[in-house]
Amino acid sequence: YFDEQCEYVLGKSYLKEHQSIYDVYGTRWFDINNFERNEDLKLIVSGDSAWSPPCEYVRLITEHYKIEATIEYEEMGNDFGGRETYDNGQTIHTESMTYREWAYKEDSDSAVNSLMEDIFDDPDLYEVLDDLMEDISHMSDEDKELIIEHWKDVQSNS
């Protein structure tokens, strides 16, 4: 079905015999959950994909329609998040990072609270402080201090 969706949107299929749909569009499938326009009249499309974002599909859309588009994505299980912007088929901006870095960049308060809950729920998540320090290196000093103190409290009570 995904190739049919791509063919409908792009006016043709880019999938050739003996090619993987993943290699052509960046993912095996993409289920669209929502279409909306924001206050800047930009089209926002959200959905779910198979383990990787449909970046190449978005790039092909920008090439076909001669437009600019940005795709944002995150995948906690495979530990990545990011954003790519395309204009007329050309990549003009790329950001890629770990899932926790992405979550922190998008909403630092929620990311800090989520990590603190994870530490509380699984005291062995970070057995040594150095591992925790590595995972929070992208955070502000204030947030690092808060998380480290929380980790120490959990460790002393487990």
N, C-alpha and C. Protein backbone atom coordinates (compact mmCIF):
# COMPACT_ATOMS: atom_id res chain seq x y z
N TYR A 1 0.81 -1.20 0.00
CA TYR A 1 0.00 0.00 0.00
C TYR A 1 0.85 1.26 0.00
N PHE A 2 2.03 1.21 0.63
CA PHE A 2 2.84 2.43 0.73
C PHE A 2 3.33 2.88 -0.64
N ASP A 3 3.73 1.93 -1.48
CA ASP A 3 4.16 2.32 -2.82
C ASP A 3 3.00 2.95 -3.59
N GLU A 4 1.78 2.43 -3.38
CA GLU A 4 0.61 3.01 -4.04
C GLU A 4 0.36 4.44 -3.54
N GLN A 5 0.54 4.66 -2.25
CA GLN A 5 0.40 6.01 -1.69
C GLN A 5 1.45 6.93 -2.31
N CYS A 6 2.68 6.48 -2.36
CA CYS A 6 3.77 7.28 -2.94
C CYS A 6 3.50 7.57 -4.41
N GLU A 7 3.04 6.57 -5.13
CA GLU A 7 2.74 6.74 -6.55
C GLU A 7 1.63 7.77 -6.75
N TYR A 8 0.62 7.72 -5.90
CA TYR A 8 -0.48 8.69 -5.99
C TYR A 8 0.04 10.11 -5.74
N VAL A 9 0.83 10.30 -4.70
CA VAL A 9 1.32 11.63 -4.33
C VAL A 9 2.35 12.14 -5.33
N LEU A 10 3.22 11.25 -5.81
CA LEU A 10 4.33 11.67 -6.67
C LEU A 10 4.03 11.54 -8.17
N GLY A 11 2.90 10.95 -8.50
CA GLY A 11 2.54 10.82 -9.91
C GLY A 11 3.18 9.63 -10.59
N LYS A 12 4.04 8.93 -9.91
CA LYS A 12 4.65 7.71 -10.44
C LYS A 12 5.32 6.96 -9.30
N SER A 13 5.60 5.71 -9.52
CA SER A 13 6.33 4.91 -8.53
C SER A 13 7.82 5.01 -8.82
N TYR A 14 8.59 5.21 -7.79
CA TYR A 14 10.05 5.22 -7.92
C TYR A 14 10.63 3.84 -7.62
N LEU A 15 9.76 2.92 -7.23
CA LEU A 15 10.19 1.58 -6.86
C LEU A 15 10.39 0.74 -8.12
N LYS A 16 11.58 0.23 -8.27
CA LYS A 16 11.93 -0.61 -9.42
C LYS A 16 11.97 -2.07 -8.98
N GLU A 17 11.89 -2.97 -9.94
CA GLU A 17 11.95 -4.39 -9.64
C GLU A 17 13.23 -4.71 -8.89
N HIS A 18 13.14 -5.56 -7.88
CA HIS A 18 14.25 -6.01 -7.04
C HIS A 18 14.80 -4.91 -6.15
N GLN A 19 14.05 -3.82 -5.95
CA GLN A 19 14.46 -2.77 -5.03
C GLN A 19 13.63 -2.89 -3.76
N SER A 20 14.23 -2.52 -2.67
CA SER A 20 13.52 -2.48 -1.39
C SER A 20 12.79 -1.14 -1.28
N ILE A 21 11.55 -1.18 -0.82
CA ILE A 21 10.80 0.06 -0.62
C ILE A 21 11.51 0.95 0.39
N TYR A 22 12.19 0.32 1.35
CA TYR A 22 12.97 1.06 2.35
C TYR A 22 14.06 1.88 1.67
N ASP A 23 14.77 1.29 0.72
CA ASP A 23 15.86 1.99 0.04
C ASP A 23 15.35 3.15 -0.82
N VAL A 24 14.14 3.03 -1.33
CA VAL A 24 13.59 4.05 -2.23
C VAL A 24 12.98 5.21 -1.45
N TYR A 25 12.23 4.92 -0.38
CA TYR A 25 11.48 5.97 0.32
C TYR A 25 11.96 6.22 1.75
N GLY A 26 12.87 5.41 2.26
CA GLY A 26 13.40 5.63 3.60
C GLY A 26 12.72 4.85 4.69
N THR A 27 11.63 4.17 4.36
CA THR A 27 10.91 3.36 5.33
C THR A 27 10.05 2.35 4.58
N ARG A 28 9.57 1.34 5.28
CA ARG A 28 8.74 0.32 4.62
C ARG A 28 7.29 0.75 4.50
N TRP A 29 6.82 1.58 5.45
CA TRP A 29 5.45 2.05 5.41
C TRP A 29 5.33 3.35 6.19
N PHE A 30 4.28 4.09 5.92
CA PHE A 30 4.00 5.33 6.63
C PHE A 30 2.49 5.49 6.71
N ASP A 31 1.96 5.43 7.92
CA ASP A 31 0.53 5.62 8.17
C ASP A 31 0.30 7.06 8.60
N ILE A 32 -0.44 7.79 7.80
CA ILE A 32 -0.74 9.19 8.10
C ILE A 32 -1.84 9.24 9.15
N ASN A 33 -1.57 9.94 10.24
CA ASN A 33 -2.54 10.08 11.32
C ASN A 33 -3.31 11.39 11.25
N ASN A 34 -2.68 12.45 10.71
CA ASN A 34 -3.29 13.76 10.78
C ASN A 34 -2.73 14.69 9.70
N PHE A 35 -3.60 15.49 9.13
CA PHE A 35 -3.24 16.60 8.25
C PHE A 35 -3.78 17.86 8.92
N GLU A 36 -2.99 18.90 9.00
CA GLU A 36 -3.50 20.18 9.51
C GLU A 36 -2.64 21.31 8.97
N ARG A 37 -3.18 22.50 9.04
CA ARG A 37 -2.40 23.70 8.69
C ARG A 37 -2.20 24.50 9.96
N ASN A 38 -0.97 25.00 10.13
CA ASN A 38 -0.72 25.83 11.30
C ASN A 38 -1.02 27.29 10.95
N GLU A 39 -0.76 28.18 11.90
CA GLU A 39 -1.08 29.60 11.70
C GLU A 39 -0.26 30.23 10.57
N ASP A 40 0.87 29.65 10.20
CA ASP A 40 1.69 30.14 9.09
C ASP A 40 1.26 29.54 7.75
N LEU A 41 0.13 28.83 7.76
CA LEU A 41 -0.40 28.14 6.57
C LEU A 41 0.53 27.04 6.07
N LYS A 42 1.35 26.50 6.96
CA LYS A 42 2.19 25.36 6.61
C LYS A 42 1.40 24.09 6.86
N LEU A 43 1.57 23.15 5.98
CA LEU A 43 0.90 21.87 6.12
C LEU A 43 1.69 21.01 7.10
N ILE A 44 1.00 20.47 8.08
CA ILE A 44 1.61 19.58 9.07
C ILE A 44 1.00 18.19 8.85
N VAL A 45 1.85 17.22 8.60
CA VAL A 45 1.42 15.83 8.42
C VAL A 45 2.10 15.02 9.51
N SER A 46 1.32 14.27 10.25
CA SER A 46 1.92 13.41 11.27
C SER A 46 1.50 11.97 11.02
N GLY A 47 2.34 11.07 11.46
CA GLY A 47 2.03 9.67 11.26
C GLY A 47 3.07 8.76 11.88
N ASP A 48 2.92 7.50 11.61
CA ASP A 48 3.81 6.47 12.13
C ASP A 48 4.47 5.75 10.96
N SER A 49 5.72 5.37 11.18
CA SER A 49 6.45 4.65 10.13
C SER A 49 7.14 3.43 10.72
N ALA A 50 7.71 2.64 9.84
CA ALA A 50 8.37 1.40 10.24
C ALA A 50 9.82 1.67 10.61
N TRP A 51 10.07 1.99 11.83
CA TRP A 51 11.41 2.09 12.43
C TRP A 51 12.29 3.21 11.92
N SER A 52 11.97 3.79 10.81
CA SER A 52 12.78 4.89 10.29
C SER A 52 11.87 5.88 9.58
N PRO A 53 12.25 7.14 9.56
CA PRO A 53 11.38 8.14 8.95
C PRO A 53 11.42 8.09 7.43
N PRO A 54 10.34 8.53 6.79
CA PRO A 54 10.28 8.53 5.33
C PRO A 54 10.97 9.76 4.71
N CYS A 55 12.22 9.96 5.09
CA CYS A 55 12.95 11.16 4.64
C CYS A 55 13.07 11.23 3.13
N GLU A 56 13.40 10.14 2.51
CA GLU A 56 13.57 10.17 1.06
C GLU A 56 12.23 10.43 0.37
N TYR A 57 11.16 9.95 0.92
CA TYR A 57 9.82 10.22 0.39
C TYR A 57 9.54 11.73 0.44
N VAL A 58 9.84 12.35 1.56
CA VAL A 58 9.63 13.80 1.70
C VAL A 58 10.52 14.55 0.71
N ARG A 59 11.76 14.12 0.56
CA ARG A 59 12.66 14.77 -0.40
C ARG A 59 12.09 14.68 -1.81
N LEU A 60 11.57 13.51 -2.18
CA LEU A 60 10.97 13.34 -3.51
C LEU A 60 9.73 14.22 -3.69
N ILE A 61 8.95 14.39 -2.63
CA ILE A 61 7.78 15.27 -2.70
C ILE A 61 8.23 16.71 -2.99
N THR A 62 9.28 17.16 -2.29
CA THR A 62 9.74 18.53 -2.53
C THR A 62 10.29 18.70 -3.94
N GLU A 63 10.89 17.66 -4.46
CA GLU A 63 11.41 17.71 -5.84
C GLU A 63 10.25 17.76 -6.84
N HIS A 64 9.27 16.91 -6.62
CA HIS A 64 8.14 16.81 -7.54
C HIS A 64 7.31 18.10 -7.57
N TYR A 65 7.02 18.66 -6.39
CA TYR A 65 6.15 19.83 -6.31
C TYR A 65 6.90 21.16 -6.21
N LYS A 66 8.23 21.11 -6.22
CA LYS A 66 9.05 22.33 -6.16
C LYS A 66 8.70 23.16 -4.93
N ILE A 67 8.73 22.48 -3.77
CA ILE A 67 8.38 23.12 -2.50
C ILE A 67 9.47 22.86 -1.48
N GLU A 68 9.33 23.48 -0.32
CA GLU A 68 10.20 23.20 0.82
C GLU A 68 9.39 22.42 1.85
N ALA A 69 10.02 21.46 2.51
CA ALA A 69 9.35 20.67 3.54
C ALA A 69 10.36 20.27 4.60
N THR A 70 9.86 20.16 5.82
CA THR A 70 10.67 19.71 6.95
C THR A 70 10.02 18.48 7.54
N ILE A 71 10.82 17.49 7.83
CA ILE A 71 10.33 16.29 8.51
C ILE A 71 11.03 16.21 9.87
N GLU A 72 10.23 16.00 10.91
CA GLU A 72 10.75 15.77 12.25
C GLU A 72 10.39 14.34 12.62
N TYR A 73 11.30 13.68 13.33
CA TYR A 73 11.07 12.28 13.65
C TYR A 73 11.74 11.92 14.96
N GLU A 74 11.21 10.88 15.58
CA GLU A 74 11.81 10.34 16.80
C GLU A 74 11.44 8.87 16.93
N GLU A 75 12.36 8.12 17.49
CA GLU A 75 12.14 6.69 17.70
C GLU A 75 12.89 6.30 18.96
N MET A 76 12.15 6.15 20.05
CA MET A 76 12.77 5.83 21.34
C MET A 76 13.44 4.47 21.30
N GLY A 77 12.79 3.47 20.72
CA GLY A 77 13.33 2.12 20.73
C GLY A 77 14.66 1.97 20.01
N ASN A 78 14.84 2.73 18.93
CA ASN A 78 16.11 2.68 18.19
C ASN A 78 17.00 3.87 18.51
N ASP A 79 16.59 4.69 19.47
CA ASP A 79 17.39 5.76 20.04
C ASP A 79 17.84 6.81 19.03
N PHE A 80 16.86 7.41 18.32
CA PHE A 80 17.22 8.53 17.46
C PHE A 80 16.08 9.52 17.34
N GLY A 81 16.43 10.72 16.97
CA GLY A 81 15.47 11.77 16.69
C GLY A 81 16.15 12.80 15.82
N GLY A 82 15.35 13.60 15.14
CA GLY A 82 15.97 14.61 14.31
C GLY A 82 15.00 15.37 13.44
N ARG A 83 15.60 16.15 12.55
CA ARG A 83 14.83 17.01 11.65
C ARG A 83 15.65 17.16 10.36
N GLU A 84 14.96 17.10 9.24
CA GLU A 84 15.59 17.35 7.95
C GLU A 84 14.69 18.28 7.15
N THR A 85 15.31 19.22 6.46
CA THR A 85 14.57 20.16 5.61
C THR A 85 15.07 20.01 4.19
N TYR A 86 14.12 19.97 3.27
CA TYR A 86 14.42 19.83 1.85
C TYR A 86 13.78 20.99 1.09
N ASP A 87 14.40 21.38 0.01
CA ASP A 87 13.86 22.41 -0.86
C ASP A 87 14.13 21.99 -2.30
N ASN A 88 13.05 21.78 -3.05
CA ASN A 88 13.17 21.35 -4.45
C ASN A 88 14.08 20.13 -4.62
N GLY A 89 13.95 19.19 -3.71
CA GLY A 89 14.71 17.95 -3.80
C GLY A 89 16.10 17.99 -3.20
N GLN A 90 16.51 19.15 -2.70
CA GLN A 90 17.85 19.29 -2.12
C GLN A 90 17.75 19.34 -0.59
N THR A 91 18.66 18.66 0.08
CA THR A 91 18.71 18.73 1.54
C THR A 91 19.35 20.06 1.92
N ILE A 92 18.63 20.86 2.72
CA ILE A 92 19.19 22.15 3.13
C ILE A 92 19.50 22.22 4.62
N HIS A 93 19.01 21.23 5.39
CA HIS A 93 19.30 21.21 6.83
C HIS A 93 19.09 19.80 7.36
N THR A 94 20.01 19.36 8.20
CA THR A 94 19.90 18.05 8.83
C THR A 94 20.34 18.15 10.29
N GLU A 95 19.52 17.60 11.17
CA GLU A 95 19.87 17.45 12.58
C GLU A 95 19.57 16.00 12.95
N SER A 96 20.50 15.34 13.59
CA SER A 96 20.29 13.96 14.00
C SER A 96 20.96 13.77 15.35
N MET A 97 20.26 13.11 16.25
CA MET A 97 20.79 12.93 17.61
C MET A 97 20.12 11.74 18.27
N THR A 98 20.53 11.46 19.50
CA THR A 98 19.89 10.38 20.24
C THR A 98 18.46 10.79 20.59
N TYR A 99 17.66 9.80 20.92
CA TYR A 99 16.27 10.09 21.28
C TYR A 99 16.20 11.02 22.48
N ARG A 100 17.00 10.75 23.52
CA ARG A 100 16.95 11.60 24.72
C ARG A 100 17.38 13.03 24.41
N GLU A 101 18.38 13.19 23.56
CA GLU A 101 18.79 14.54 23.17
C GLU A 101 17.65 15.26 22.44
N TRP A 102 17.00 14.54 21.51
CA TRP A 102 15.90 15.12 20.76
C TRP A 102 14.75 15.51 21.68
N ALA A 103 14.38 14.61 22.58
CA ALA A 103 13.28 14.88 23.50
C ALA A 103 13.61 16.10 24.36
N TYR A 104 14.87 16.20 24.79
CA TYR A 104 15.29 17.34 25.61
C TYR A 104 15.23 18.64 24.81
N LYS A 105 15.66 18.59 23.59
CA LYS A 105 15.65 19.78 22.74
C LYS A 105 14.22 20.26 22.49
N GLU A 106 13.30 19.33 22.30
CA GLU A 106 11.92 19.67 22.00
C GLU A 106 11.14 20.12 23.24
N ASP A 107 11.39 19.51 24.39
CA ASP A 107 10.67 19.85 25.62
C ASP A 107 11.52 19.40 26.80
N SER A 108 12.39 20.28 27.25
CA SER A 108 13.38 19.90 28.27
C SER A 108 12.73 19.46 29.58
N ASP A 109 11.67 20.15 30.02
CA ASP A 109 11.03 19.77 31.28
C ASP A 109 10.47 18.35 31.22
N SER A 110 9.78 18.02 30.15
CA SER A 110 9.24 16.67 30.01
C SER A 110 10.34 15.63 29.92
N ALA A 111 11.43 15.96 29.21
CA ALA A 111 12.54 15.02 29.07
C ALA A 111 13.21 14.74 30.41
N VAL A 112 13.40 15.78 31.20
CA VAL A 112 14.00 15.61 32.53
C VAL A 112 13.09 14.77 33.41
N ASN A 113 11.80 15.10 33.42
CA ASN A 113 10.85 14.32 34.24
C ASN A 113 10.79 12.87 33.80
N SER A 114 10.81 12.64 32.50
CA SER A 114 10.77 11.28 31.98
C SER A 114 12.01 10.48 32.41
N LEU A 115 13.17 11.09 32.32
CA LEU A 115 14.39 10.40 32.73
C LEU A 115 14.38 10.12 34.22
N MET A 116 13.90 11.06 35.01
CA MET A 116 13.84 10.83 36.45
C MET A 116 12.87 9.70 36.79
N GLU A 117 11.76 9.61 36.07
CA GLU A 117 10.83 8.49 36.27
C GLU A 117 11.49 7.17 35.88
N ASP A 118 12.23 7.17 34.77
CA ASP A 118 12.93 5.96 34.33
C ASP A 118 13.93 5.50 35.39
N ILE A 119 14.66 6.43 35.98
CA ILE A 119 15.64 6.10 37.01
C ILE A 119 14.94 5.55 38.25
N PHE A 120 13.82 6.16 38.61
CA PHE A 120 13.07 5.70 39.77
C PHE A 120 12.51 4.30 39.53
N ASP A 121 11.95 4.07 38.34
CA ASP A 121 11.35 2.78 38.01
C ASP A 121 12.38 1.67 37.86
N ASP A 122 13.60 2.03 37.44
CA ASP A 122 14.66 1.04 37.23
C ASP A 122 15.97 1.57 37.79
N PRO A 123 16.21 1.38 39.08
CA PRO A 123 17.42 1.90 39.70
C PRO A 123 18.72 1.40 39.05
N ASP A 124 18.65 0.29 38.33
CA ASP A 124 19.85 -0.25 37.67
C ASP A 124 20.03 0.30 36.25
N LEU A 125 19.18 1.22 35.85
CA LEU A 125 19.29 1.80 34.51
C LEU A 125 20.68 2.38 34.29
N TYR A 126 21.20 3.05 35.30
CA TYR A 126 22.58 3.58 35.27
C TYR A 126 23.28 3.05 36.51
N GLU A 127 24.09 2.04 36.30
CA GLU A 127 24.76 1.43 37.45
C GLU A 127 25.90 2.28 37.98
N VAL A 128 26.50 3.08 37.11
CA VAL A 128 27.58 3.98 37.54
C VAL A 128 27.27 5.39 37.06
N LEU A 129 27.72 6.35 37.83
CA LEU A 129 27.45 7.75 37.54
C LEU A 129 28.00 8.18 36.19
N ASP A 130 29.14 7.63 35.77
CA ASP A 130 29.73 8.01 34.49
C ASP A 130 28.79 7.72 33.32
N ASP A 131 28.06 6.61 33.39
CA ASP A 131 27.11 6.28 32.32
C ASP A 131 25.98 7.31 32.26
N LEU A 132 25.49 7.69 33.43
CA LEU A 132 24.45 8.71 33.49
C LEU A 132 24.99 10.04 32.96
N MET A 133 26.18 10.40 33.37
CA MET A 133 26.78 11.67 32.93
C MET A 133 26.90 11.73 31.40
N GLU A 134 27.25 10.61 30.81
CA GLU A 134 27.36 10.56 29.35
C GLU A 134 26.01 10.80 28.69
N ASP A 135 24.96 10.22 29.25
CA ASP A 135 23.62 10.35 28.66
C ASP A 135 23.00 11.73 28.86
N ILE A 136 23.49 12.49 29.83
CA ILE A 136 22.89 13.80 30.08
C ILE A 136 23.85 14.94 29.72
N SER A 137 24.90 14.64 29.00
CA SER A 137 25.91 15.64 28.67
C SER A 137 25.35 16.83 27.88
N HIS A 138 24.25 16.64 27.18
CA HIS A 138 23.64 17.69 26.37
C HIS A 138 22.73 18.62 27.17
N MET A 139 22.50 18.30 28.43
CA MET A 139 21.56 19.07 29.24
C MET A 139 22.22 20.26 29.91
N SER A 140 21.39 21.18 30.39
CA SER A 140 21.91 22.34 31.12
C SER A 140 22.51 21.87 32.44
N ASP A 141 23.40 22.67 32.99
CA ASP A 141 24.02 22.32 34.27
C ASP A 141 22.98 22.15 35.37
N GLU A 142 21.96 22.99 35.35
CA GLU A 142 20.90 22.91 36.35
C GLU A 142 20.15 21.58 36.24
N ASP A 143 19.82 21.17 35.04
CA ASP A 143 19.12 19.90 34.85
C ASP A 143 20.01 18.71 35.19
N LYS A 144 21.28 18.79 34.83
CA LYS A 144 22.22 17.71 35.19
C LYS A 144 22.27 17.54 36.70
N GLU A 145 22.39 18.64 37.41
CA GLU A 145 22.47 18.59 38.87
C GLU A 145 21.22 17.96 39.47
N LEU A 146 20.06 18.35 38.96
CA LEU A 146 18.79 17.81 39.43
C LEU A 146 18.73 16.29 39.21
N ILE A 147 19.12 15.84 38.05
CA ILE A 147 19.06 14.42 37.72
C ILE A 147 20.08 13.63 38.53
N ILE A 148 21.28 14.15 38.67
CA ILE A 148 22.32 13.45 39.45
C ILE A 148 21.89 13.30 40.90
N GLU A 149 21.32 14.34 41.48
CA GLU A 149 20.84 14.25 42.87
C GLU A 149 19.73 13.21 42.98
N HIS A 150 18.85 13.19 42.02
CA HIS A 150 17.76 12.20 42.00
C HIS A 150 18.35 10.79 41.89
N TRP A 151 19.32 10.59 41.00
CA TRP A 151 19.96 9.29 40.84
C TRP A 151 20.62 8.84 42.15
N LYS A 152 21.32 9.76 42.81
CA LYS A 152 21.98 9.42 44.09
C LYS A 152 20.95 9.03 45.14
N ASP A 153 19.83 9.75 45.19
CA ASP A 153 18.76 9.41 46.16
C ASP A 153 18.21 8.01 45.88
N VAL A 154 17.95 7.72 44.63
CA VAL A 154 17.41 6.41 44.25
C VAL A 154 18.43 5.31 44.58
N GLN A 155 19.69 5.55 44.27
CA GLN A 155 20.73 4.56 44.55
C GLN A 155 20.86 4.29 46.04
N SER A 156 20.76 5.32 46.85
CA SER A 156 20.91 5.14 48.30
C SER A 156 19.70 4.44 48.93
N ASN A 157 18.55 4.47 48.24
CA ASN A 157 17.35 3.85 48.78
C ASN A 157 17.04 2.49 48.15
N SER A 158 17.91 2.02 47.27
CA SER A 158 17.59 0.72 46.64
C SER A 158 18.49 -0.38 47.14
